[in-house]
């Protein structure tokens, strides 16, 4: 059975450090390229069908946006698509980068 929940940055960091987790960032591409959580994948509406088809639905999934608002509806949607364990990152990338700046990266270029 699929589930969706909100997760704090501290708990998300602990989850990521403990096991394999997929991280998706739904912010616009320019913001993603400027900085994102290490190993995060950019996800937009164009990439969504392939992501749903090609990603292991049993691996926990953390959805990140700017402040943790838009990721809630995206997380709920992904849980409806069969992802078993889905989390919306409370505070989004803004909170993450203030708590864990060493766990952020940006695209070269």
PDB file of N, CA and C in Angstrom:
ATOM      1  N   UNK A   1       0.840  -1.182   0.000  1.00  0.00           N
ATOM      2  CA  UNK A   1       0.000   0.000   0.000  1.00  0.00           C
ATOM      3  C   UNK A   1       0.883   1.243   0.000  1.00  0.00           C
ATOM      4  N   UNK A   2       0.568   2.196  -0.834  1.00  0.00           N
ATOM      5  CA  UNK A   2       1.356   3.421  -0.964  1.00  0.00           C
ATOM      6  C   UNK A   2       1.036   4.386   0.170  1.00  0.00           C
ATOM      7  N   UNK A   3       2.065   5.156   0.555  1.00  0.00           N
ATOM      8  CA  UNK A   3       1.843   6.164   1.583  1.00  0.00           C
ATOM      9  C   UNK A   3       2.556   7.451   1.206  1.00  0.00           C
ATOM     10  N   UNK A   4       2.023   8.536   1.711  1.00  0.00           N
ATOM     11  CA  UNK A   4       2.604   9.856   1.513  1.00  0.00           C
ATOM     12  C   UNK A   4       2.605  10.547   2.868  1.00  0.00           C
ATOM     13  N   UNK A   5       3.706  11.218   3.186  1.00  0.00           N
ATOM     14  CA  UNK A   5       3.810  11.936   4.453  1.00  0.00           C
ATOM     15  C   UNK A   5       4.768  13.109   4.289  1.00  0.00           C
ATOM     16  N   UNK A   6       4.670  14.049   5.174  1.00  0.00           N
ATOM     17  CA  UNK A   6       5.639  15.141   5.224  1.00  0.00           C
ATOM     18  C   UNK A   6       6.803  14.683   6.095  1.00  0.00           C
ATOM     19  N   UNK A   7       8.011  15.184   5.764  1.00  0.00           N
ATOM     20  CA  UNK A   7       9.201  14.796   6.517  1.00  0.00           C
ATOM     21  C   UNK A   7      10.060  16.032   6.756  1.00  0.00           C
ATOM     22  N   UNK A   8      10.599  16.141   7.951  1.00  0.00           N
ATOM     23  CA  UNK A   8      11.488  17.261   8.266  1.00  0.00           C
ATOM     24  C   UNK A   8      12.828  17.049   7.586  1.00  0.00           C
ATOM     25  N   UNK A   9      13.577  18.114   7.453  1.00  0.00           N
ATOM     26  CA  UNK A   9      14.917  17.996   6.859  1.00  0.00           C
ATOM     27  C   UNK A   9      15.794  17.066   7.691  1.00  0.00           C
ATOM     28  N   UNK A  10      15.715  17.163   9.017  1.00  0.00           N
ATOM     29  CA  UNK A  10      16.514  16.283   9.874  1.00  0.00           C
ATOM     30  C   UNK A  10      16.181  14.814   9.631  1.00  0.00           C
ATOM     31  N   UNK A  11      14.886  14.499   9.584  1.00  0.00           N
ATOM     32  CA  UNK A  11      14.486  13.108   9.363  1.00  0.00           C
ATOM     33  C   UNK A  11      14.806  12.647   7.950  1.00  0.00           C
ATOM     34  N   UNK A  12      14.689  13.544   6.970  1.00  0.00           N
ATOM     35  CA  UNK A  12      15.050  13.185   5.596  1.00  0.00           C
ATOM     36  C   UNK A  12      16.537  12.890   5.505  1.00  0.00           C
ATOM     37  N   UNK A  13      17.354  13.702   6.143  1.00  0.00           N
ATOM     38  CA  UNK A  13      18.805  13.490   6.136  1.00  0.00           C
ATOM     39  C   UNK A  13      19.141  12.136   6.757  1.00  0.00           C
ATOM     40  N   UNK A  14      18.491  11.818   7.870  1.00  0.00           N
ATOM     41  CA  UNK A  14      18.724  10.523   8.529  1.00  0.00           C
ATOM     42  C   UNK A  14      18.310   9.373   7.612  1.00  0.00           C
ATOM     43  N   UNK A  15      17.190   9.513   6.932  1.00  0.00           N
ATOM     44  CA  UNK A  15      16.719   8.485   6.005  1.00  0.00           C
ATOM     45  C   UNK A  15      17.695   8.307   4.843  1.00  0.00           C
ATOM     46  N   UNK A  16      18.133   9.413   4.268  1.00  0.00           N
ATOM     47  CA  UNK A  16      19.066   9.386   3.136  1.00  0.00           C
ATOM     48  C   UNK A  16      20.401   8.767   3.546  1.00  0.00           C
ATOM     49  N   UNK A  17      20.850   9.082   4.756  1.00  0.00           N
ATOM     50  CA  UNK A  17      22.124   8.543   5.239  1.00  0.00           C
ATOM     51  C   UNK A  17      22.037   7.053   5.558  1.00  0.00           C
ATOM     52  N   UNK A  18      20.826   6.571   5.843  1.00  0.00           N
ATOM     53  CA  UNK A  18      20.622   5.199   6.295  1.00  0.00           C
ATOM     54  C   UNK A  18      20.383   4.207   5.157  1.00  0.00           C
ATOM     55  N   UNK A  19      19.736   4.643   4.087  1.00  0.00           N
ATOM     56  CA  UNK A  19      19.358   3.693   3.048  1.00  0.00           C
ATOM     57  C   UNK A  19      19.276   4.373   1.685  1.00  0.00           C
ATOM     58  N   UNK A  20      19.062   3.564   0.675  1.00  0.00           N
ATOM     59  CA  UNK A  20      18.908   4.068  -0.690  1.00  0.00           C
ATOM     60  C   UNK A  20      17.582   4.822  -0.779  1.00  0.00           C
ATOM     61  N   UNK A  21      17.646   6.065  -1.244  1.00  0.00           N
ATOM     62  CA  UNK A  21      16.472   6.922  -1.364  1.00  0.00           C
ATOM     63  C   UNK A  21      16.546   7.640  -2.703  1.00  0.00           C
ATOM     64  N   UNK A  22      15.419   7.731  -3.391  1.00  0.00           N
ATOM     65  CA  UNK A  22      15.334   8.570  -4.579  1.00  0.00           C
ATOM     66  C   UNK A  22      14.907   9.964  -4.131  1.00  0.00           C
ATOM     67  N   UNK A  23      15.594  10.975  -4.637  1.00  0.00           N
ATOM     68  CA  UNK A  23      15.264  12.362  -4.320  1.00  0.00           C
ATOM     69  C   UNK A  23      14.917  13.051  -5.622  1.00  0.00           C
ATOM     70  N   UNK A  24      13.735  13.658  -5.682  1.00  0.00           N
ATOM     71  CA  UNK A  24      13.352  14.427  -6.860  1.00  0.00           C
ATOM     72  C   UNK A  24      13.113  15.865  -6.457  1.00  0.00           C
ATOM     73  N   UNK A  25      13.537  16.760  -7.320  1.00  0.00           N
ATOM     74  CA  UNK A  25      13.413  18.198  -7.114  1.00  0.00           C
ATOM     75  C   UNK A  25      12.492  18.720  -8.204  1.00  0.00           C
ATOM     76  N   UNK A  26      11.361  19.306  -7.807  1.00  0.00           N
ATOM     77  CA  UNK A  26      10.372  19.752  -8.782  1.00  0.00           C
ATOM     78  C   UNK A  26      10.441  21.254  -9.059  1.00  0.00           C
ATOM     79  N   UNK A  27      11.482  21.908  -8.556  1.00  0.00           N
ATOM     80  CA  UNK A  27      11.648  23.334  -8.862  1.00  0.00           C
ATOM     81  C   UNK A  27      11.989  23.501 -10.338  1.00  0.00           C
ATOM     82  N   UNK A  28      11.967  24.741 -10.822  1.00  0.00           N
ATOM     83  CA  UNK A  28      12.323  24.972 -12.219  1.00  0.00           C
ATOM     84  C   UNK A  28      13.784  24.580 -12.451  1.00  0.00           C
ATOM     85  N   UNK A  29      14.107  24.281 -13.710  1.00  0.00           N
ATOM     86  CA  UNK A  29      15.423  23.752 -14.051  1.00  0.00           C
ATOM     87  C   UNK A  29      16.551  24.715 -13.692  1.00  0.00           C
ATOM     88  N   UNK A  30      16.364  26.013 -13.887  1.00  0.00           N
ATOM     89  CA  UNK A  30      17.416  26.981 -13.558  1.00  0.00           C
ATOM     90  C   UNK A  30      17.718  26.950 -12.063  1.00  0.00           C
ATOM     91  N   UNK A  31      16.683  26.870 -11.241  1.00  0.00           N
ATOM     92  CA  UNK A  31      16.902  26.804  -9.788  1.00  0.00           C
ATOM     93  C   UNK A  31      17.599  25.497  -9.409  1.00  0.00           C
ATOM     94  N   UNK A  32      17.168  24.406 -10.014  1.00  0.00           N
ATOM     95  CA  UNK A  32      17.800  23.111  -9.766  1.00  0.00           C
ATOM     96  C   UNK A  32      19.277  23.165 -10.132  1.00  0.00           C
ATOM     97  N   UNK A  33      19.582  23.710 -11.315  1.00  0.00           N
ATOM     98  CA  UNK A  33      20.971  23.784 -11.766  1.00  0.00           C
ATOM     99  C   UNK A  33      21.816  24.680 -10.868  1.00  0.00           C
ATOM    100  N   UNK A  34      21.202  25.685 -10.280  1.00  0.00           N
ATOM    101  CA  UNK A  34      21.919  26.592  -9.379  1.00  0.00           C
ATOM    102  C   UNK A  34      22.274  25.903  -8.066  1.00  0.00           C
ATOM    103  N   UNK A  35      21.473  24.923  -7.649  1.00  0.00           N
ATOM    104  CA  UNK A  35      21.754  24.177  -6.427  1.00  0.00           C
ATOM    105  C   UNK A  35      20.642  23.206  -6.106  1.00  0.00           C
ATOM    106  N   UNK A  36      21.020  22.017  -5.635  1.00  0.00           N
ATOM    107  CA  UNK A  36      20.046  20.999  -5.260  1.00  0.00           C
ATOM    108  C   UNK A  36      20.691  20.026  -4.280  1.00  0.00           C
ATOM    109  N   UNK A  37      19.878  19.185  -3.683  1.00  0.00           N
ATOM    110  CA  UNK A  37      20.370  18.159  -2.775  1.00  0.00           C
ATOM    111  C   UNK A  37      21.242  17.182  -3.575  1.00  0.00           C
ATOM    112  N   UNK A  38      22.338  16.774  -2.980  1.00  0.00           N
ATOM    113  CA  UNK A  38      23.242  15.818  -3.625  1.00  0.00           C
ATOM    114  C   UNK A  38      22.440  14.590  -4.065  1.00  0.00           C
ATOM    115  N   UNK A  39      22.654  14.175  -5.304  1.00  0.00           N
ATOM    116  CA  UNK A  39      22.024  13.012  -5.925  1.00  0.00           C
ATOM    117  C   UNK A  39      20.551  13.209  -6.280  1.00  0.00           C
ATOM    118  N   UNK A  40      20.042  14.425  -6.151  1.00  0.00           N
ATOM    119  CA  UNK A  40      18.653  14.681  -6.543  1.00  0.00           C
ATOM    120  C   UNK A  40      18.535  14.661  -8.059  1.00  0.00           C
ATOM    121  N   UNK A  41      17.361  14.304  -8.514  1.00  0.00           N
ATOM    122  CA  UNK A  41      17.036  14.292  -9.928  1.00  0.00           C
ATOM    123  C   UNK A  41      15.990  15.375 -10.176  1.00  0.00           C
ATOM    124  N   UNK A  42      16.188  16.147 -11.228  1.00  0.00           N
ATOM    125  CA  UNK A  42      15.183  17.156 -11.575  1.00  0.00           C
ATOM    126  C   UNK A  42      13.989  16.448 -12.194  1.00  0.00           C
ATOM    127  N   UNK A  43      12.794  16.820 -11.757  1.00  0.00           N
ATOM    128  CA  UNK A  43      11.582  16.203 -12.279  1.00  0.00           C
ATOM    129  C   UNK A  43      10.589  17.292 -12.655  1.00  0.00           C
ATOM    130  N   UNK A  44      10.190  17.278 -13.927  1.00  0.00           N
ATOM    131  CA  UNK A  44       9.158  18.205 -14.389  1.00  0.00           C
ATOM    132  C   UNK A  44       8.081  17.395 -15.099  1.00  0.00           C
ATOM    133  N   UNK A  45       7.051  18.068 -15.578  1.00  0.00           N
ATOM    134  CA  UNK A  45       5.925  17.371 -16.204  1.00  0.00           C
ATOM    135  C   UNK A  45       6.346  16.567 -17.431  1.00  0.00           C
ATOM    136  N   UNK A  46       7.365  17.034 -18.153  1.00  0.00           N
ATOM    137  CA  UNK A  46       7.821  16.322 -19.346  1.00  0.00           C
ATOM    138  C   UNK A  46       8.503  15.005 -18.991  1.00  0.00           C
ATOM    139  N   UNK A  47       9.235  14.983 -17.889  1.00  0.00           N
ATOM    140  CA  UNK A  47       9.967  13.787 -17.482  1.00  0.00           C
ATOM    141  C   UNK A  47       9.135  12.844 -16.615  1.00  0.00           C
ATOM    142  N   UNK A  48       7.979  13.306 -16.163  1.00  0.00           N
ATOM    143  CA  UNK A  48       7.172  12.550 -15.211  1.00  0.00           C
ATOM    144  C   UNK A  48       6.772  11.150 -15.697  1.00  0.00           C
ATOM    145  N   UNK A  49       6.246  10.993 -16.909  1.00  0.00           N
ATOM    146  CA  UNK A  49       5.855   9.636 -17.336  1.00  0.00           C
ATOM    147  C   UNK A  49       7.017   8.636 -17.327  1.00  0.00           C
ATOM    148  N   UNK A  50       8.173   9.048 -17.827  1.00  0.00           N
ATOM    149  CA  UNK A  50       9.337   8.155 -17.812  1.00  0.00           C
ATOM    150  C   UNK A  50       9.779   7.861 -16.386  1.00  0.00           C
ATOM    151  N   UNK A  51       9.754   8.871 -15.527  1.00  0.00           N
ATOM    152  CA  UNK A  51      10.136   8.664 -14.129  1.00  0.00           C
ATOM    153  C   UNK A  51       9.226   7.623 -13.484  1.00  0.00           C
ATOM    154  N   UNK A  52       7.930   7.761 -13.695  1.00  0.00           N
ATOM    155  CA  UNK A  52       6.974   6.819 -13.103  1.00  0.00           C
ATOM    156  C   UNK A  52       7.219   5.408 -13.639  1.00  0.00           C
ATOM    157  N   UNK A  53       7.484   5.281 -14.922  1.00  0.00           N
ATOM    158  CA  UNK A  53       7.682   3.961 -15.531  1.00  0.00           C
ATOM    159  C   UNK A  53       9.029   3.339 -15.203  1.00  0.00           C
ATOM    160  N   UNK A  54      10.072   4.164 -15.054  1.00  0.00           N
ATOM    161  CA  UNK A  54      11.444   3.649 -14.957  1.00  0.00           C
ATOM    162  C   UNK A  54      12.005   3.584 -13.540  1.00  0.00           C
ATOM    163  N   UNK A  55      11.308   4.107 -12.551  1.00  0.00           N
ATOM    164  CA  UNK A  55      11.849   4.194 -11.197  1.00  0.00           C
ATOM    165  C   UNK A  55      11.244   3.111 -10.309  1.00  0.00           C
ATOM    166  N   UNK A  56      12.080   2.511  -9.486  1.00  0.00           N
ATOM    167  CA  UNK A  56      11.634   1.483  -8.542  1.00  0.00           C
ATOM    168  C   UNK A  56      10.635   2.099  -7.566  1.00  0.00           C
ATOM    169  N   UNK A  57       9.429   1.602  -7.563  1.00  0.00           N
ATOM    170  CA  UNK A  57       8.370   2.141  -6.711  1.00  0.00           C
ATOM    171  C   UNK A  57       8.531   1.734  -5.251  1.00  0.00           C
ATOM    172  N   UNK A  58       9.409   0.767  -4.965  1.00  0.00           N
ATOM    173  CA  UNK A  58       9.609   0.315  -3.591  1.00  0.00           C
ATOM    174  C   UNK A  58      10.700   1.089  -2.851  1.00  0.00           C
ATOM    175  N   UNK A  59      11.497   1.873  -3.573  1.00  0.00           N
ATOM    176  CA  UNK A  59      12.542   2.687  -2.941  1.00  0.00           C
ATOM    177  C   UNK A  59      11.904   3.959  -2.393  1.00  0.00           C
ATOM    178  N   UNK A  60      12.203   4.320  -1.143  1.00  0.00           N
ATOM    179  CA  UNK A  60      11.633   5.559  -0.605  1.00  0.00           C
ATOM    180  C   UNK A  60      11.940   6.745  -1.526  1.00  0.00           C
ATOM    181  N   UNK A  61      10.992   7.673  -1.599  1.00  0.00           N
ATOM    182  CA  UNK A  61      11.076   8.817  -2.496  1.00  0.00           C
ATOM    183  C   UNK A  61      10.856  10.098  -1.710  1.00  0.00           C
ATOM    184  N   UNK A  62      11.806  11.027  -1.793  1.00  0.00           N
ATOM    185  CA  UNK A  62      11.682  12.338  -1.155  1.00  0.00           C
ATOM    186  C   UNK A  62      11.484  13.368  -2.252  1.00  0.00           C
ATOM    187  N   UNK A  63      10.411  14.156  -2.137  1.00  0.00           N
ATOM    188  CA  UNK A  63      10.086  15.183  -3.120  1.00  0.00           C
ATOM    189  C   UNK A  63      10.426  16.540  -2.514  1.00  0.00           C
ATOM    190  N   UNK A  64      11.204  17.324  -3.256  1.00  0.00           N
ATOM    191  CA  UNK A  64      11.679  18.623  -2.788  1.00  0.00           C
ATOM    192  C   UNK A  64      11.204  19.723  -3.735  1.00  0.00           C
ATOM    193  N   UNK A  65      10.789  20.854  -3.166  1.00  0.00           N
ATOM    194  CA  UNK A  65      10.471  22.049  -3.944  1.00  0.00           C
ATOM    195  C   UNK A  65      11.171  23.230  -3.263  1.00  0.00           C
ATOM    196  N   UNK A  66      10.667  24.421  -3.436  1.00  0.00           N
ATOM    197  CA  UNK A  66      11.293  25.600  -2.835  1.00  0.00           C
ATOM    198  C   UNK A  66      11.136  25.630  -1.313  1.00  0.00           C
ATOM    199  N   UNK A  67       9.873  25.547  -0.856  1.00  0.00           N
ATOM    200  CA  UNK A  67       9.590  25.737   0.572  1.00  0.00           C
ATOM    201  C   UNK A  67       8.790  24.599   1.196  1.00  0.00           C
ATOM    202  N   UNK A  68       8.485  23.561   0.443  1.00  0.00           N
ATOM    203  CA  UNK A  68       7.750  22.428   0.989  1.00  0.00           C
ATOM    204  C   UNK A  68       6.254  22.485   0.763  1.00  0.00           C
ATOM    205  N   UNK A  69       5.790  23.377  -0.100  1.00  0.00           N
ATOM    206  CA  UNK A  69       4.358  23.466  -0.371  1.00  0.00           C
ATOM    207  C   UNK A  69       3.960  22.660  -1.603  1.00  0.00           C
ATOM    208  N   UNK A  70       4.574  22.951  -2.726  1.00  0.00           N
ATOM    209  CA  UNK A  70       4.237  22.245  -3.969  1.00  0.00           C
ATOM    210  C   UNK A  70       4.608  20.765  -3.904  1.00  0.00           C
ATOM    211  N   UNK A  71       5.602  20.435  -3.113  1.00  0.00           N
ATOM    212  CA  UNK A  71       6.012  19.034  -3.012  1.00  0.00           C
ATOM    213  C   UNK A  71       4.957  18.182  -2.326  1.00  0.00           C
ATOM    214  N   UNK A  72       4.063  18.799  -1.575  1.00  0.00           N
ATOM    215  CA  UNK A  72       3.006  18.021  -0.926  1.00  0.00           C
ATOM    216  C   UNK A  72       2.047  17.429  -1.948  1.00  0.00           C
ATOM    217  N   UNK A  73       1.585  18.251  -2.882  1.00  0.00           N
ATOM    218  CA  UNK A  73       0.667  17.715  -3.894  1.00  0.00           C
ATOM    219  C   UNK A  73       1.400  16.769  -4.840  1.00  0.00           C
ATOM    220  N   UNK A  74       2.656  17.070  -5.163  1.00  0.00           N
ATOM    221  CA  UNK A  74       3.442  16.169  -6.020  1.00  0.00           C
ATOM    222  C   UNK A  74       3.663  14.832  -5.313  1.00  0.00           C
ATOM    223  N   UNK A  75       3.953  14.876  -4.029  1.00  0.00           N
ATOM    224  CA  UNK A  75       4.143  13.645  -3.263  1.00  0.00           C
ATOM    225  C   UNK A  75       2.881  12.801  -3.213  1.00  0.00           C
ATOM    226  N   UNK A  76       1.748  13.455  -2.982  1.00  0.00           N
ATOM    227  CA  UNK A  76       0.479  12.733  -2.954  1.00  0.00           C
ATOM    228  C   UNK A  76       0.201  12.091  -4.312  1.00  0.00           C
ATOM    229  N   UNK A  77       0.482  12.809  -5.381  1.00  0.00           N
ATOM    230  CA  UNK A  77       0.275  12.287  -6.739  1.00  0.00           C
ATOM    231  C   UNK A  77       1.163  11.065  -6.980  1.00  0.00           C
ATOM    232  N   UNK A  78       2.433  11.149  -6.607  1.00  0.00           N
ATOM    233  CA  UNK A  78       3.346  10.030  -6.830  1.00  0.00           C
ATOM    234  C   UNK A  78       2.946   8.816  -6.002  1.00  0.00           C
ATOM    235  N   UNK A  79       2.436   9.033  -4.808  1.00  0.00           N
ATOM    236  CA  UNK A  79       1.925   7.911  -4.010  1.00  0.00           C
ATOM    237  C   UNK A  79       0.733   7.273  -4.722  1.00  0.00           C
ATOM    238  N   UNK A  80      -0.124   8.084  -5.326  1.00  0.00           N
ATOM    239  CA  UNK A  80      -1.264   7.555  -6.090  1.00  0.00           C
ATOM    240  C   UNK A  80      -0.799   6.739  -7.298  1.00  0.00           C
ATOM    241  N   UNK A  81       0.387   7.038  -7.808  1.00  0.00           N
ATOM    242  CA  UNK A  81       0.931   6.327  -8.961  1.00  0.00           C
ATOM    243  C   UNK A  81       1.615   5.020  -8.570  1.00  0.00           C
ATOM    244  N   UNK A  82       1.609   4.696  -7.275  1.00  0.00           N
ATOM    245  CA  UNK A  82       2.128   3.409  -6.834  1.00  0.00           C
ATOM    246  C   UNK A  82       3.452   3.426  -6.114  1.00  0.00           C
ATOM    247  N   UNK A  83       4.055   4.600  -5.937  1.00  0.00           N
ATOM    248  CA  UNK A  83       5.275   4.656  -5.135  1.00  0.00           C
ATOM    249  C   UNK A  83       4.887   4.345  -3.691  1.00  0.00           C
ATOM    250  N   UNK A  84       5.599   3.411  -3.084  1.00  0.00           N
ATOM    251  CA  UNK A  84       5.176   2.862  -1.802  1.00  0.00           C
ATOM    252  C   UNK A  84       5.411   3.818  -0.631  1.00  0.00           C
ATOM    253  N   UNK A  85       6.537   4.507  -0.616  1.00  0.00           N
ATOM    254  CA  UNK A  85       6.922   5.351   0.522  1.00  0.00           C
ATOM    255  C   UNK A  85       7.372   6.709  -0.017  1.00  0.00           C
ATOM    256  N   UNK A  86       6.486   7.712   0.067  1.00  0.00           N
ATOM    257  CA  UNK A  86       6.739   9.030  -0.516  1.00  0.00           C
ATOM    258  C   UNK A  86       6.710  10.087   0.571  1.00  0.00           C
ATOM    259  N   UNK A  87       7.684  10.992   0.528  1.00  0.00           N
ATOM    260  CA  UNK A  87       7.781  12.079   1.506  1.00  0.00           C
ATOM    261  C   UNK A  87       7.886  13.424   0.807  1.00  0.00           C
ATOM    262  N   UNK A  88       7.208  14.409   1.365  1.00  0.00           N
ATOM    263  CA  UNK A  88       7.363  15.802   0.952  1.00  0.00           C
ATOM    264  C   UNK A  88       8.293  16.463   1.958  1.00  0.00           C
ATOM    265  N   UNK A  89       9.347  17.096   1.468  1.00  0.00           N
ATOM    266  CA  UNK A  89      10.355  17.697   2.337  1.00  0.00           C
ATOM    267  C   UNK A  89       9.848  19.016   2.911  1.00  0.00           C
ATOM    268  N   UNK A  90       9.549  19.030   4.210  1.00  0.00           N
ATOM    269  CA  UNK A  90       9.107  20.259   4.878  1.00  0.00           C
ATOM    270  C   UNK A  90      10.198  21.320   4.816  1.00  0.00           C
ATOM    271  N   UNK A  91       9.835  22.519   4.430  1.00  0.00           N
ATOM    272  CA  UNK A  91      10.789  23.608   4.319  1.00  0.00           C
ATOM    273  C   UNK A  91      11.511  23.634   2.994  1.00  0.00           C
ATOM    274  N   UNK A  92      11.386  22.554   2.208  1.00  0.00           N
ATOM    275  CA  UNK A  92      11.954  22.480   0.881  1.00  0.00           C
ATOM    276  C   UNK A  92      13.457  22.701   0.828  1.00  0.00           C
ATOM    277  N   UNK A  93      13.917  23.064  -0.369  1.00  0.00           N
ATOM    278  CA  UNK A  93      15.349  23.270  -0.565  1.00  0.00           C
ATOM    279  C   UNK A  93      15.858  24.449   0.257  1.00  0.00           C
ATOM    280  N   UNK A  94      15.008  25.435   0.480  1.00  0.00           N
ATOM    281  CA  UNK A  94      15.412  26.589   1.288  1.00  0.00           C
ATOM    282  C   UNK A  94      15.835  26.149   2.679  1.00  0.00           C
ATOM    283  N   UNK A  95      15.041  25.313   3.313  1.00  0.00           N
ATOM    284  CA  UNK A  95      15.372  24.820   4.654  1.00  0.00           C
ATOM    285  C   UNK A  95      16.563  23.872   4.595  1.00  0.00           C
ATOM    286  N   UNK A  96      16.567  22.978   3.598  1.00  0.00           N
ATOM    287  CA  UNK A  96      17.651  22.005   3.475  1.00  0.00           C
ATOM    288  C   UNK A  96      19.006  22.707   3.371  1.00  0.00           C
ATOM    289  N   UNK A  97      19.091  23.691   2.495  1.00  0.00           N
ATOM    290  CA  UNK A  97      20.383  24.342   2.275  1.00  0.00           C
ATOM    291  C   UNK A  97      20.852  25.113   3.505  1.00  0.00           C
ATOM    292  N   UNK A  98      19.930  25.581   4.317  1.00  0.00           N
ATOM    293  CA  UNK A  98      20.350  26.280   5.539  1.00  0.00           C
ATOM    294  C   UNK A  98      20.820  25.288   6.603  1.00  0.00           C
ATOM    295  N   UNK A  99      20.276  24.075   6.604  1.00  0.00           N
ATOM    296  CA  UNK A  99      20.670  23.077   7.593  1.00  0.00           C
ATOM    297  C   UNK A  99      21.847  22.220   7.128  1.00  0.00           C
ATOM    298  N   UNK A 100      21.885  21.901   5.846  1.00  0.00           N
ATOM    299  CA  UNK A 100      22.881  20.962   5.335  1.00  0.00           C
ATOM    300  C   UNK A 100      23.557  21.498   4.078  1.00  0.00           C
ATOM    301  N   UNK A 101      24.234  22.622   4.166  1.00  0.00           N
ATOM    302  CA  UNK A 101      24.861  23.205   2.970  1.00  0.00           C
ATOM    303  C   UNK A 101      25.897  22.286   2.328  1.00  0.00           C
ATOM    304  N   UNK A 102      26.529  21.430   3.103  1.00  0.00           N
ATOM    305  CA  UNK A 102      27.531  20.525   2.540  1.00  0.00           C
ATOM    306  C   UNK A 102      26.884  19.407   1.726  1.00  0.00           C
ATOM    307  N   UNK A 103      25.578  19.229   1.879  1.00  0.00           N
ATOM    308  CA  UNK A 103      24.864  18.192   1.139  1.00  0.00           C
ATOM    309  C   UNK A 103      24.092  18.782  -0.028  1.00  0.00           C
ATOM    310  N   UNK A 104      24.654  19.844  -0.618  1.00  0.00           N
ATOM    311  CA  UNK A 104      24.076  20.474  -1.793  1.00  0.00           C
ATOM    312  C   UNK A 104      25.150  20.513  -2.886  1.00  0.00           C
ATOM    313  N   UNK A 105      24.683  20.481  -4.117  1.00  0.00           N
ATOM    314  CA  UNK A 105      25.591  20.572  -5.250  1.00  0.00           C
ATOM    315  C   UNK A 105      24.895  21.366  -6.340  1.00  0.00           C
ATOM    316  N   UNK A 106      25.684  21.797  -7.321  1.00  0.00           N
ATOM    317  CA  UNK A 106      25.088  22.475  -8.468  1.00  0.00           C
ATOM    318  C   UNK A 106      25.663  21.891  -9.741  1.00  0.00           C
ATOM    319  N   UNK A 107      24.905  22.077 -10.792  1.00  0.00           N
ATOM    320  CA  UNK A 107      25.327  21.523 -12.077  1.00  0.00           C
ATOM    321  C   UNK A 107      26.502  22.340 -12.619  1.00  0.00           C
ATOM    322  N   UNK A 108      27.463  21.670 -13.228  1.00  0.00           N
ATOM    323  CA  UNK A 108      28.588  22.418 -13.824  1.00  0.00           C
ATOM    324  C   UNK A 108      28.109  23.291 -14.979  1.00  0.00           C
ATOM    325  N   UNK A 109      28.826  24.364 -15.179  1.00  0.00           N
ATOM    326  CA  UNK A 109      28.492  25.229 -16.305  1.00  0.00           C
ATOM    327  C   UNK A 109      28.139  26.536 -15.913  1.00  0.00           C
TER     328      UNK A 109
END
